[in-house]
Amino acid sequence: MSHINILEEKPLTLIEVSEELGKVKKRDETLSPRSLKVEEYAHKFKVGELVVVQDLRQKLQALDILRLKEKHIVKLLDLMPEDLESLKIIFAGEDLTLKQEDLQKVLECLR
């Protein structure tokens, strides 16, 4: 079995995954069975447009909430919570607690 070196690891939103798979599809003309399943899932559940998601990502990063990491931002962009309760549920599975004012800032940014 060949050895794979991981050069970079970066969380991607479903829209970004869709875009990357599109590039691979153009290059290779076909996708592997696993990639096809990922493509189907990404198309089914992606929210918004790439430009809008990238803009929202920059706004969330600009909030400078130290505990809010890139993986959290990606999860927020994929799920787009609309209220405080939904936002808290998203973070319930994470080892992350944010102040009420920070949660409000995140919600305002996502609206």
N, C-alpha and C. Protein backbone atom coordinates (compact mmCIF):
# COMPACT_ATOMS: atom_id res chain seq x y z
N MET A 1 0.84 -1.17 0.00
CA MET A 1 0.00 0.00 0.00
C MET A 1 0.89 1.23 0.00
N SER A 2 0.53 2.23 -0.78
CA SER A 2 1.35 3.43 -0.88
C SER A 2 1.18 4.31 0.35
N HIS A 3 2.20 5.09 0.61
CA HIS A 3 2.19 5.99 1.75
C HIS A 3 1.76 7.38 1.29
N ILE A 4 0.81 7.97 1.99
CA ILE A 4 0.29 9.28 1.61
C ILE A 4 0.78 10.31 2.63
N ASN A 5 1.36 11.39 2.13
CA ASN A 5 1.77 12.49 2.99
C ASN A 5 0.72 13.58 2.92
N ILE A 6 0.20 13.95 4.07
CA ILE A 6 -0.77 15.03 4.13
C ILE A 6 0.00 16.33 4.24
N LEU A 7 -0.15 17.18 3.24
CA LEU A 7 0.58 18.44 3.22
C LEU A 7 -0.16 19.54 3.96
N GLU A 8 -1.48 19.50 3.90
CA GLU A 8 -2.27 20.55 4.53
C GLU A 8 -3.63 19.99 4.89
N GLU A 9 -4.14 20.41 6.02
CA GLU A 9 -5.47 20.01 6.44
C GLU A 9 -6.26 21.29 6.72
N LYS A 10 -7.38 21.44 6.02
CA LYS A 10 -8.18 22.65 6.15
C LYS A 10 -9.65 22.28 6.09
N PRO A 11 -10.44 22.73 7.07
CA PRO A 11 -11.88 22.45 7.03
C PRO A 11 -12.54 23.20 5.86
N LEU A 12 -13.43 22.52 5.16
CA LEU A 12 -14.13 23.11 4.02
C LEU A 12 -15.64 23.04 4.24
N THR A 13 -16.33 24.06 3.76
CA THR A 13 -17.78 24.02 3.77
C THR A 13 -18.24 23.08 2.65
N LEU A 14 -19.50 22.71 2.68
CA LEU A 14 -20.02 21.82 1.64
C LEU A 14 -19.94 22.46 0.25
N ILE A 15 -20.10 23.77 0.20
CA ILE A 15 -19.99 24.47 -1.10
C ILE A 15 -18.56 24.38 -1.62
N GLU A 16 -17.59 24.55 -0.73
CA GLU A 16 -16.18 24.46 -1.14
C GLU A 16 -15.83 23.03 -1.55
N VAL A 17 -16.39 22.05 -0.86
CA VAL A 17 -16.17 20.65 -1.25
C VAL A 17 -16.73 20.41 -2.65
N SER A 18 -17.90 20.95 -2.91
CA SER A 18 -18.53 20.83 -4.22
C SER A 18 -17.64 21.43 -5.31
N GLU A 19 -17.09 22.61 -5.04
CA GLU A 19 -16.21 23.28 -5.99
C GLU A 19 -14.95 22.45 -6.25
N GLU A 20 -14.35 21.93 -5.19
CA GLU A 20 -13.13 21.13 -5.33
C GLU A 20 -13.40 19.84 -6.11
N LEU A 21 -14.53 19.20 -5.83
CA LEU A 21 -14.88 18.00 -6.58
C LEU A 21 -15.13 18.32 -8.06
N GLY A 22 -15.67 19.50 -8.32
CA GLY A 22 -15.86 19.93 -9.70
C GLY A 22 -14.53 20.06 -10.43
N LYS A 23 -13.52 20.58 -9.75
CA LYS A 23 -12.18 20.70 -10.34
C LYS A 23 -11.59 19.33 -10.62
N VAL A 24 -11.76 18.41 -9.67
CA VAL A 24 -11.24 17.04 -9.84
C VAL A 24 -11.96 16.36 -11.00
N LYS A 25 -13.26 16.59 -11.09
CA LYS A 25 -14.06 15.98 -12.17
C LYS A 25 -13.61 16.48 -13.53
N LYS A 26 -13.30 17.78 -13.63
CA LYS A 26 -12.79 18.32 -14.89
C LYS A 26 -11.43 17.71 -15.23
N ARG A 27 -10.58 17.59 -14.21
CA ARG A 27 -9.24 17.08 -14.44
C ARG A 27 -9.25 15.60 -14.80
N ASP A 28 -10.00 14.79 -14.04
CA ASP A 28 -9.98 13.34 -14.21
C ASP A 28 -11.12 12.80 -15.07
N GLU A 29 -12.07 13.64 -15.40
CA GLU A 29 -13.25 13.30 -16.20
C GLU A 29 -14.26 12.40 -15.48
N THR A 30 -13.84 11.77 -14.39
CA THR A 30 -14.76 10.94 -13.62
C THR A 30 -14.32 10.95 -12.15
N LEU A 31 -15.24 10.62 -11.28
CA LEU A 31 -14.93 10.57 -9.86
C LEU A 31 -14.99 9.14 -9.36
N SER A 32 -14.27 8.87 -8.29
CA SER A 32 -14.33 7.55 -7.67
C SER A 32 -15.71 7.38 -7.03
N PRO A 33 -16.10 6.14 -6.74
CA PRO A 33 -17.41 5.92 -6.11
C PRO A 33 -17.58 6.71 -4.80
N ARG A 34 -16.54 6.78 -4.00
CA ARG A 34 -16.63 7.53 -2.75
C ARG A 34 -16.80 9.03 -3.03
N SER A 35 -16.08 9.54 -4.00
CA SER A 35 -16.20 10.95 -4.37
C SER A 35 -17.58 11.27 -4.91
N LEU A 36 -18.17 10.33 -5.65
CA LEU A 36 -19.52 10.53 -6.16
C LEU A 36 -20.53 10.65 -5.03
N LYS A 37 -20.36 9.83 -3.98
CA LYS A 37 -21.26 9.91 -2.82
C LYS A 37 -21.08 11.24 -2.10
N VAL A 38 -19.84 11.68 -1.96
CA VAL A 38 -19.58 12.97 -1.31
C VAL A 38 -20.18 14.10 -2.15
N GLU A 39 -20.03 14.01 -3.46
CA GLU A 39 -20.59 15.04 -4.34
C GLU A 39 -22.12 15.09 -4.21
N GLU A 40 -22.75 13.95 -4.18
CA GLU A 40 -24.20 13.88 -4.04
C GLU A 40 -24.64 14.50 -2.70
N TYR A 41 -23.94 14.16 -1.63
CA TYR A 41 -24.26 14.71 -0.31
C TYR A 41 -24.07 16.22 -0.29
N ALA A 42 -22.96 16.70 -0.85
CA ALA A 42 -22.66 18.13 -0.85
C ALA A 42 -23.71 18.90 -1.63
N HIS A 43 -24.15 18.37 -2.77
CA HIS A 43 -25.17 19.05 -3.56
C HIS A 43 -26.52 19.06 -2.84
N LYS A 44 -26.78 18.01 -2.10
CA LYS A 44 -28.07 17.89 -1.42
C LYS A 44 -28.19 18.85 -0.23
N PHE A 45 -27.08 19.06 0.48
CA PHE A 45 -27.16 19.80 1.74
C PHE A 45 -26.45 21.15 1.75
N LYS A 46 -25.82 21.54 0.66
CA LYS A 46 -25.11 22.82 0.68
C LYS A 46 -26.11 23.98 0.77
N VAL A 47 -25.64 25.05 1.41
CA VAL A 47 -26.47 26.22 1.66
C VAL A 47 -25.79 27.43 1.04
N GLY A 48 -26.51 28.18 0.21
CA GLY A 48 -25.98 29.44 -0.32
C GLY A 48 -25.06 29.28 -1.51
N GLU A 49 -24.40 30.38 -1.82
CA GLU A 49 -23.46 30.44 -2.94
C GLU A 49 -22.04 30.60 -2.40
N LEU A 50 -21.06 30.21 -3.19
CA LEU A 50 -19.67 30.24 -2.76
C LEU A 50 -19.24 31.64 -2.33
N VAL A 51 -19.58 32.65 -3.11
CA VAL A 51 -19.16 34.03 -2.81
C VAL A 51 -19.76 34.49 -1.49
N VAL A 52 -21.02 34.17 -1.25
CA VAL A 52 -21.69 34.56 -0.01
C VAL A 52 -21.06 33.86 1.18
N VAL A 53 -20.77 32.58 1.05
CA VAL A 53 -20.17 31.80 2.13
C VAL A 53 -18.77 32.33 2.44
N GLN A 54 -18.00 32.64 1.43
CA GLN A 54 -16.66 33.18 1.66
C GLN A 54 -16.73 34.53 2.37
N ASP A 55 -17.71 35.35 2.00
CA ASP A 55 -17.89 36.64 2.64
C ASP A 55 -18.27 36.46 4.12
N LEU A 56 -19.20 35.55 4.39
CA LEU A 56 -19.60 35.27 5.76
C LEU A 56 -18.43 34.73 6.58
N ARG A 57 -17.61 33.89 5.97
CA ARG A 57 -16.44 33.35 6.66
C ARG A 57 -15.51 34.48 7.10
N GLN A 58 -15.27 35.42 6.19
CA GLN A 58 -14.41 36.56 6.53
C GLN A 58 -15.02 37.40 7.65
N LYS A 59 -16.33 37.59 7.62
CA LYS A 59 -17.00 38.36 8.68
C LYS A 59 -16.89 37.66 10.03
N LEU A 60 -17.07 36.34 10.04
CA LEU A 60 -16.96 35.59 11.28
C LEU A 60 -15.53 35.61 11.82
N GLN A 61 -14.55 35.52 10.94
CA GLN A 61 -13.16 35.59 11.37
C GLN A 61 -12.83 36.98 11.89
N ALA A 62 -13.44 37.99 11.32
CA ALA A 62 -13.18 39.38 11.74
C ALA A 62 -13.75 39.68 13.12
N LEU A 63 -14.66 38.85 13.61
CA LEU A 63 -15.20 39.05 14.95
C LEU A 63 -14.13 38.88 16.03
N ASP A 64 -13.06 38.20 15.69
CA ASP A 64 -11.93 37.97 16.61
C ASP A 64 -12.36 37.31 17.93
N ILE A 65 -13.20 36.32 17.81
CA ILE A 65 -13.57 35.52 18.98
C ILE A 65 -12.52 34.42 19.08
N LEU A 66 -11.66 34.51 20.08
CA LEU A 66 -10.49 33.65 20.16
C LEU A 66 -10.81 32.16 20.19
N ARG A 67 -11.86 31.78 20.86
CA ARG A 67 -12.18 30.36 20.99
C ARG A 67 -12.87 29.79 19.75
N LEU A 68 -13.33 30.66 18.85
CA LEU A 68 -14.03 30.23 17.64
C LEU A 68 -13.01 29.88 16.57
N LYS A 69 -12.80 28.60 16.35
CA LYS A 69 -11.79 28.12 15.40
C LYS A 69 -12.40 27.94 14.01
N GLU A 70 -11.54 27.67 13.05
CA GLU A 70 -11.96 27.51 11.66
C GLU A 70 -12.97 26.38 11.51
N LYS A 71 -12.78 25.28 12.22
CA LYS A 71 -13.72 24.15 12.12
C LYS A 71 -15.11 24.55 12.62
N HIS A 72 -15.18 25.43 13.62
CA HIS A 72 -16.46 25.90 14.12
C HIS A 72 -17.14 26.81 13.10
N ILE A 73 -16.34 27.65 12.47
CA ILE A 73 -16.87 28.57 11.45
C ILE A 73 -17.45 27.78 10.29
N VAL A 74 -16.75 26.75 9.85
CA VAL A 74 -17.23 25.92 8.74
C VAL A 74 -18.55 25.25 9.11
N LYS A 75 -18.64 24.74 10.34
CA LYS A 75 -19.88 24.10 10.79
C LYS A 75 -21.03 25.10 10.79
N LEU A 76 -20.76 26.32 11.24
CA LEU A 76 -21.79 27.36 11.25
C LEU A 76 -22.25 27.68 9.83
N LEU A 77 -21.31 27.76 8.91
CA LEU A 77 -21.66 28.10 7.52
C LEU A 77 -22.43 26.98 6.83
N ASP A 78 -22.18 25.76 7.22
CA ASP A 78 -22.92 24.64 6.63
C ASP A 78 -24.34 24.55 7.19
N LEU A 79 -24.51 24.91 8.46
CA LEU A 79 -25.81 24.74 9.11
C LEU A 79 -26.63 26.02 9.17
N MET A 80 -25.99 27.18 9.14
CA MET A 80 -26.64 28.49 9.14
C MET A 80 -27.77 28.59 10.18
N PRO A 81 -27.42 28.54 11.47
CA PRO A 81 -28.45 28.65 12.50
C PRO A 81 -29.14 30.01 12.45
N GLU A 82 -30.42 30.01 12.77
CA GLU A 82 -31.21 31.24 12.68
C GLU A 82 -31.55 31.84 14.04
N ASP A 83 -31.37 31.05 15.11
CA ASP A 83 -31.68 31.58 16.44
C ASP A 83 -30.64 31.09 17.44
N LEU A 84 -30.70 31.66 18.62
CA LEU A 84 -29.73 31.38 19.66
C LEU A 84 -29.76 29.92 20.09
N GLU A 85 -30.94 29.35 20.17
CA GLU A 85 -31.07 27.95 20.58
C GLU A 85 -30.39 27.01 19.58
N SER A 86 -30.58 27.25 18.29
CA SER A 86 -29.94 26.44 17.26
C SER A 86 -28.42 26.58 17.33
N LEU A 87 -27.97 27.78 17.57
CA LEU A 87 -26.53 28.03 17.68
C LEU A 87 -25.93 27.27 18.87
N LYS A 88 -26.63 27.29 19.99
CA LYS A 88 -26.15 26.56 21.17
C LYS A 88 -26.13 25.06 20.92
N ILE A 89 -27.10 24.56 20.19
CA ILE A 89 -27.15 23.12 19.87
C ILE A 89 -25.95 22.73 19.01
N ILE A 90 -25.58 23.58 18.08
CA ILE A 90 -24.42 23.29 17.21
C ILE A 90 -23.16 23.16 18.05
N PHE A 91 -23.00 24.04 19.03
CA PHE A 91 -21.80 24.01 19.86
C PHE A 91 -21.88 23.01 21.00
N ALA A 92 -23.02 22.38 21.22
CA ALA A 92 -23.18 21.44 22.33
C ALA A 92 -22.23 20.25 22.21
N GLY A 93 -21.97 19.79 21.02
CA GLY A 93 -21.09 18.64 20.81
C GLY A 93 -19.62 19.00 20.80
N GLU A 94 -19.32 20.28 20.84
CA GLU A 94 -17.95 20.75 20.80
C GLU A 94 -17.47 21.09 22.20
N ASP A 95 -16.18 21.12 22.37
CA ASP A 95 -15.59 21.58 23.62
C ASP A 95 -15.40 23.09 23.53
N LEU A 96 -16.53 23.80 23.47
CA LEU A 96 -16.49 25.23 23.24
C LEU A 96 -17.64 25.90 23.98
N THR A 97 -17.31 26.89 24.75
CA THR A 97 -18.34 27.71 25.39
C THR A 97 -18.04 29.16 25.06
N LEU A 98 -19.06 29.86 24.62
CA LEU A 98 -18.91 31.27 24.27
C LEU A 98 -19.83 32.10 25.15
N LYS A 99 -19.41 33.33 25.39
CA LYS A 99 -20.24 34.25 26.14
C LYS A 99 -21.49 34.59 25.33
N GLN A 100 -22.52 34.97 26.04
CA GLN A 100 -23.79 35.33 25.40
C GLN A 100 -23.60 36.41 24.34
N GLU A 101 -22.78 37.41 24.65
CA GLU A 101 -22.56 38.51 23.70
C GLU A 101 -21.84 38.03 22.44
N ASP A 102 -20.92 37.06 22.60
CA ASP A 102 -20.24 36.50 21.42
C ASP A 102 -21.22 35.69 20.56
N LEU A 103 -22.10 34.95 21.22
CA LEU A 103 -23.12 34.20 20.48
C LEU A 103 -24.02 35.15 19.68
N GLN A 104 -24.38 36.25 20.28
CA GLN A 104 -25.22 37.26 19.59
C GLN A 104 -24.47 37.84 18.39
N LYS A 105 -23.18 38.11 18.55
CA LYS A 105 -22.37 38.63 17.44
C LYS A 105 -22.35 37.65 16.27
N VAL A 106 -22.20 36.38 16.59
CA VAL A 106 -22.18 35.34 15.54
C VAL A 106 -23.52 35.30 14.82
N LEU A 107 -24.61 35.33 15.57
CA LEU A 107 -25.95 35.32 14.95
C LEU A 107 -26.17 36.54 14.05
N GLU A 108 -25.76 37.69 14.52
CA GLU A 108 -25.92 38.91 13.72
C GLU A 108 -25.12 38.81 12.42
N CYS A 109 -23.96 38.22 12.51
CA CYS A 109 -23.11 38.06 11.32
C CYS A 109 -23.75 37.11 10.30
N LEU A 110 -24.42 36.08 10.78
CA LEU A 110 -25.01 35.09 9.90
C LEU A 110 -26.33 35.55 9.26
N ARG A 111 -26.91 36.61 9.77
CA ARG A 111 -28.20 37.08 9.23
C ARG A 111 -28.03 37.88 7.99
